[in-house]
């Protein structure tokens, strides 16, 4: 749509911070107030609105889009949304190792074992690790405790966590960023380890490189959204 405002401001609003366009409050697609939980996230959303040209392009406003999703889609039933994220623990990327070549399996172990060790200590759980793609059952206590950890998160963090988990294929990678303070870029490199290995062996074409760059940018954006929420 055509830009219809001049001034963008951030003001306290109902226990959070709202965005005003020429003094009028911004609302979500479902017409709920766009109220952000922290000043940092509110300023990030406001910056997206300020950065629009003659036309307002939602695709260039990822923080606004994630905030809308948190309010309209996650907040009405956060437990159900969290349960969908927690199901990734049943087939977490870090628990499935290559059965060859040996050098790849060794690289996976060196990169992924420390993250599993962190999760086991943080949540008092244990993981079943296997080689190949045949599914392995995780202990029921592990699944229950990880689900409880996810359910305890607020709707805004859940929104960002969902992107982190779906892009990486790993609940542990997402939780390491959200609750463990791990660096987003480092975690993405761990999640993309297999792809990086394949590129080393066979080379990487331009299309694959562009796709990887888009996914990395989206992952980084989701991590920043969680950090500001």
Protein backbone atom coordinates (compact mmCIF):
# COMPACT_ATOMS: atom_id res chain seq x y z
CA UNK A 1 0.00 0.00 0.00
CA UNK A 2 1.03 3.62 -0.46
CA UNK A 3 2.78 5.25 2.48
CA UNK A 4 0.17 7.27 4.36
CA UNK A 5 2.17 8.67 7.29
CA UNK A 6 5.07 10.98 8.00
CA UNK A 7 6.07 10.57 11.64
CA UNK A 8 6.69 7.29 13.50
CA UNK A 9 6.87 7.32 17.30
CA UNK A 10 7.10 4.82 20.17
CA UNK A 11 4.99 5.38 23.28
CA UNK A 12 4.11 3.35 26.40
CA UNK A 13 0.95 1.37 25.77
CA UNK A 14 -0.86 -1.01 28.13
CA UNK A 15 2.17 -2.35 29.93
CA UNK A 16 4.26 -2.42 26.75
CA UNK A 17 5.24 -0.07 23.95
CA UNK A 18 3.08 0.84 20.98
CA UNK A 19 3.88 2.28 17.56
CA UNK A 20 2.20 5.49 16.43
CA UNK A 21 1.97 6.70 12.84
CA UNK A 22 1.24 10.44 12.90
CA UNK A 23 -0.18 9.85 16.36
CA UNK A 24 -2.44 6.96 15.36
CA UNK A 25 -1.77 3.51 16.89
CA UNK A 26 -0.65 0.69 14.61
CA UNK A 27 -2.77 -2.46 14.74
CA UNK A 28 -2.12 -6.04 13.68
CA UNK A 29 -3.94 -7.65 10.72
CA UNK A 30 -6.48 -8.99 13.27
CA UNK A 31 -6.96 -5.40 14.53
CA UNK A 32 -5.29 -5.96 17.89
CA UNK A 33 -3.02 -3.19 19.19
CA UNK A 34 0.58 -3.71 18.05
CA UNK A 35 2.00 -3.60 21.56
CA UNK A 36 5.63 -4.71 21.94
CA UNK A 37 7.03 -6.17 25.18
CA UNK A 38 10.32 -4.21 25.25
CA UNK A 39 11.56 -0.78 24.16
CA UNK A 40 14.27 -2.44 22.03
CA UNK A 41 11.77 -4.43 19.98
CA UNK A 42 9.45 -1.43 19.70
CA UNK A 43 12.30 0.69 18.31
CA UNK A 44 13.23 -2.07 15.85
CA UNK A 45 9.65 -2.23 14.59
CA UNK A 46 9.44 1.57 14.43
CA UNK A 47 12.65 1.66 12.39
CA UNK A 48 11.05 -0.63 9.80
CA UNK A 49 8.11 1.76 9.45
CA UNK A 50 10.44 4.75 9.22
CA UNK A 51 12.49 3.01 6.55
CA UNK A 52 9.61 2.61 4.09
CA UNK A 53 9.62 4.59 0.87
CA UNK A 54 6.63 5.78 -1.11
CA UNK A 55 5.10 2.30 -0.79
CA UNK A 56 4.85 0.20 2.38
CA UNK A 57 6.35 -3.23 1.66
CA UNK A 58 5.54 -5.82 4.38
CA UNK A 59 8.27 -8.13 3.03
CA UNK A 60 10.86 -5.56 4.15
CA UNK A 61 9.46 -5.52 7.72
CA UNK A 62 10.33 -8.88 9.32
CA UNK A 63 10.18 -7.67 12.93
CA UNK A 64 6.73 -6.20 12.34
CA UNK A 65 5.60 -9.45 10.73
CA UNK A 66 6.87 -11.58 13.61
CA UNK A 67 5.27 -9.24 16.15
CA UNK A 68 1.95 -9.48 14.32
CA UNK A 69 2.23 -13.28 14.36
CA UNK A 70 3.03 -13.32 18.09
CA UNK A 71 -0.05 -11.25 18.90
CA UNK A 72 -2.57 -12.66 16.41
CA UNK A 73 -1.56 -16.33 16.16
CA UNK A 74 0.57 -17.33 19.15
CA UNK A 75 -0.83 -15.35 22.09
CA UNK A 76 -4.39 -16.73 21.80
CA UNK A 77 -3.13 -20.29 22.56
CA UNK A 78 0.60 -20.29 23.35
CA UNK A 79 0.56 -23.80 24.84
CA UNK A 80 -0.69 -25.34 21.60
CA UNK A 81 1.86 -23.39 19.57
CA UNK A 82 4.64 -24.41 21.97
CA UNK A 83 3.66 -28.07 21.67
CA UNK A 84 4.25 -27.92 17.93
CA UNK A 85 7.74 -26.55 18.46
CA UNK A 86 8.54 -29.07 21.21
CA UNK A 87 7.79 -31.98 18.87
CA UNK A 88 11.10 -31.30 17.12
CA UNK A 89 12.78 -32.92 20.16
CA UNK A 90 11.55 -36.28 18.86
CA UNK A 91 13.80 -36.04 15.78
CA UNK A 92 16.36 -33.38 16.65
CA UNK A 93 19.07 -32.88 14.03
CA UNK A 94 21.84 -33.19 16.62
CA UNK A 95 20.82 -36.74 17.49
CA UNK A 96 21.21 -38.09 13.94
CA UNK A 97 24.80 -38.66 12.89
CA UNK A 98 26.33 -39.76 9.62
CA UNK A 99 27.34 -43.41 9.36
CA UNK A 100 30.16 -42.34 7.05
CA UNK A 101 32.56 -41.05 6.04
CA UNK A 102 34.44 -41.11 9.32
CA UNK A 103 35.68 -37.55 8.92
CA UNK A 104 32.11 -36.21 8.71
CA UNK A 105 30.98 -38.22 11.72
CA UNK A 106 33.96 -36.88 13.68
CA UNK A 107 33.14 -33.31 12.67
CA UNK A 108 29.52 -33.75 13.76
CA UNK A 109 30.58 -35.14 17.12
CA UNK A 110 33.02 -32.32 17.74
CA UNK A 111 30.43 -29.67 16.84
CA UNK A 112 27.22 -31.16 18.20
CA UNK A 113 28.22 -33.06 21.35
CA UNK A 114 28.98 -29.88 23.36
CA UNK A 115 25.50 -28.54 22.56
CA UNK A 116 23.85 -31.79 23.63
CA UNK A 117 25.96 -31.72 26.80
CA UNK A 118 24.71 -28.19 27.50
CA UNK A 119 21.07 -29.24 27.04
CA UNK A 120 21.49 -32.35 29.19
CA UNK A 121 22.89 -30.25 32.01
CA UNK A 122 20.41 -27.40 31.60
CA UNK A 123 17.26 -29.52 31.55
CA UNK A 124 18.42 -32.63 33.42
CA UNK A 125 17.72 -34.87 30.43
CA UNK A 126 19.54 -37.42 28.31
CA UNK A 127 19.43 -38.00 24.57
CA UNK A 128 19.53 -41.10 22.41
CA UNK A 129 22.01 -40.53 19.56
CA UNK A 130 22.03 -42.73 16.48
CA UNK A 131 23.78 -43.10 13.14
CA UNK A 132 21.85 -42.97 9.90
CA UNK A 133 18.26 -41.94 9.33
CA UNK A 134 16.35 -44.72 11.11
CA UNK A 135 14.22 -43.00 13.81
CA UNK A 136 15.29 -43.40 17.41
CA UNK A 137 12.94 -42.86 20.35
CA UNK A 138 13.93 -40.23 22.86
CA UNK A 139 13.24 -40.89 26.57
CA UNK A 140 9.77 -39.77 27.63
CA UNK A 141 11.24 -37.73 30.48
CA UNK A 142 13.43 -35.85 27.98
CA UNK A 143 10.47 -34.99 25.76
CA UNK A 144 8.36 -33.91 28.74
CA UNK A 145 11.02 -31.64 30.23
CA UNK A 146 11.86 -30.00 26.94
CA UNK A 147 8.19 -29.39 26.24
CA UNK A 148 7.81 -27.81 29.68
CA UNK A 149 10.74 -25.52 28.92
CA UNK A 150 9.17 -24.40 25.64
CA UNK A 151 5.69 -23.92 27.11
CA UNK A 152 7.16 -21.60 29.75
CA UNK A 153 8.29 -19.09 27.09
CA UNK A 154 6.20 -16.03 26.26
CA UNK A 155 4.44 -15.65 22.86
CA UNK A 156 7.02 -13.29 21.38
CA UNK A 157 9.96 -15.56 22.19
CA UNK A 158 7.97 -18.56 20.97
CA UNK A 159 7.45 -16.82 17.63
CA UNK A 160 11.16 -16.31 17.10
CA UNK A 161 12.00 -19.75 18.47
CA UNK A 162 9.68 -21.36 15.93
CA UNK A 163 11.74 -19.94 13.07
CA UNK A 164 15.03 -20.91 14.71
CA UNK A 165 13.85 -24.49 15.19
CA UNK A 166 12.25 -25.03 11.79
CA UNK A 167 15.23 -23.62 9.89
CA UNK A 168 17.80 -25.60 11.87
CA UNK A 169 15.74 -28.76 12.33
CA UNK A 170 16.81 -28.71 15.97
CA UNK A 171 14.95 -27.74 19.12
CA UNK A 172 18.26 -27.80 20.98
CA UNK A 173 19.78 -25.24 18.60
CA UNK A 174 16.83 -22.93 19.16
CA UNK A 175 16.87 -23.29 22.94
CA UNK A 176 20.65 -22.78 23.01
CA UNK A 177 20.07 -19.31 21.55
CA UNK A 178 16.96 -18.41 23.54
CA UNK A 179 17.94 -19.81 26.94
CA UNK A 180 21.63 -20.57 26.67
CA UNK A 181 22.94 -17.30 25.30
CA UNK A 182 24.76 -19.04 22.46
CA UNK A 183 25.81 -16.98 19.46
CA UNK A 184 23.29 -17.09 16.61
CA UNK A 185 25.89 -17.25 13.84
CA UNK A 186 27.80 -20.06 15.54
CA UNK A 187 24.64 -22.10 16.04
CA UNK A 188 23.68 -21.63 12.39
CA UNK A 189 27.06 -22.94 11.32
CA UNK A 190 26.47 -26.03 13.47
CA UNK A 191 23.04 -26.55 11.94
CA UNK A 192 24.44 -26.19 8.41
CA UNK A 193 27.41 -28.51 9.06
CA UNK A 194 26.20 -31.24 6.69
CA UNK A 195 25.52 -28.75 3.90
CA UNK A 196 28.95 -27.17 4.36
CA UNK A 197 30.54 -30.63 4.18
CA UNK A 198 28.77 -31.42 0.92
CA UNK A 199 29.86 -28.08 -0.55
CA UNK A 200 33.46 -28.84 0.42
CA UNK A 201 33.31 -32.21 -1.32
CA UNK A 202 31.39 -31.31 -4.48
CA UNK A 203 31.44 -27.54 -4.70
CA UNK A 204 28.54 -25.14 -4.20
CA UNK A 205 26.46 -23.71 -7.02
CA UNK A 206 25.18 -20.14 -7.07
CA UNK A 207 21.55 -21.10 -6.47
CA UNK A 208 22.39 -23.14 -3.39
CA UNK A 209 24.60 -20.36 -2.05
CA UNK A 210 21.82 -17.80 -2.50
CA UNK A 211 19.30 -20.07 -0.78
CA UNK A 212 21.70 -20.64 2.11
CA UNK A 213 22.27 -16.89 2.47
CA UNK A 214 18.51 -16.24 2.64
CA UNK A 215 18.05 -18.91 5.29
CA UNK A 216 20.99 -17.59 7.32
CA UNK A 217 19.54 -14.06 7.23
CA UNK A 218 16.14 -15.32 8.37
CA UNK A 219 17.75 -17.32 11.16
CA UNK A 220 19.72 -14.29 12.31
CA UNK A 221 16.60 -12.12 12.25
CA UNK A 222 14.69 -14.62 14.39
CA UNK A 223 17.56 -14.70 16.89
CA UNK A 224 17.55 -10.93 17.12
CA UNK A 225 13.76 -10.93 17.58
CA UNK A 226 14.09 -13.34 20.52
CA UNK A 227 16.89 -11.30 22.07
CA UNK A 228 14.81 -8.12 21.97
CA UNK A 229 11.58 -9.75 23.20
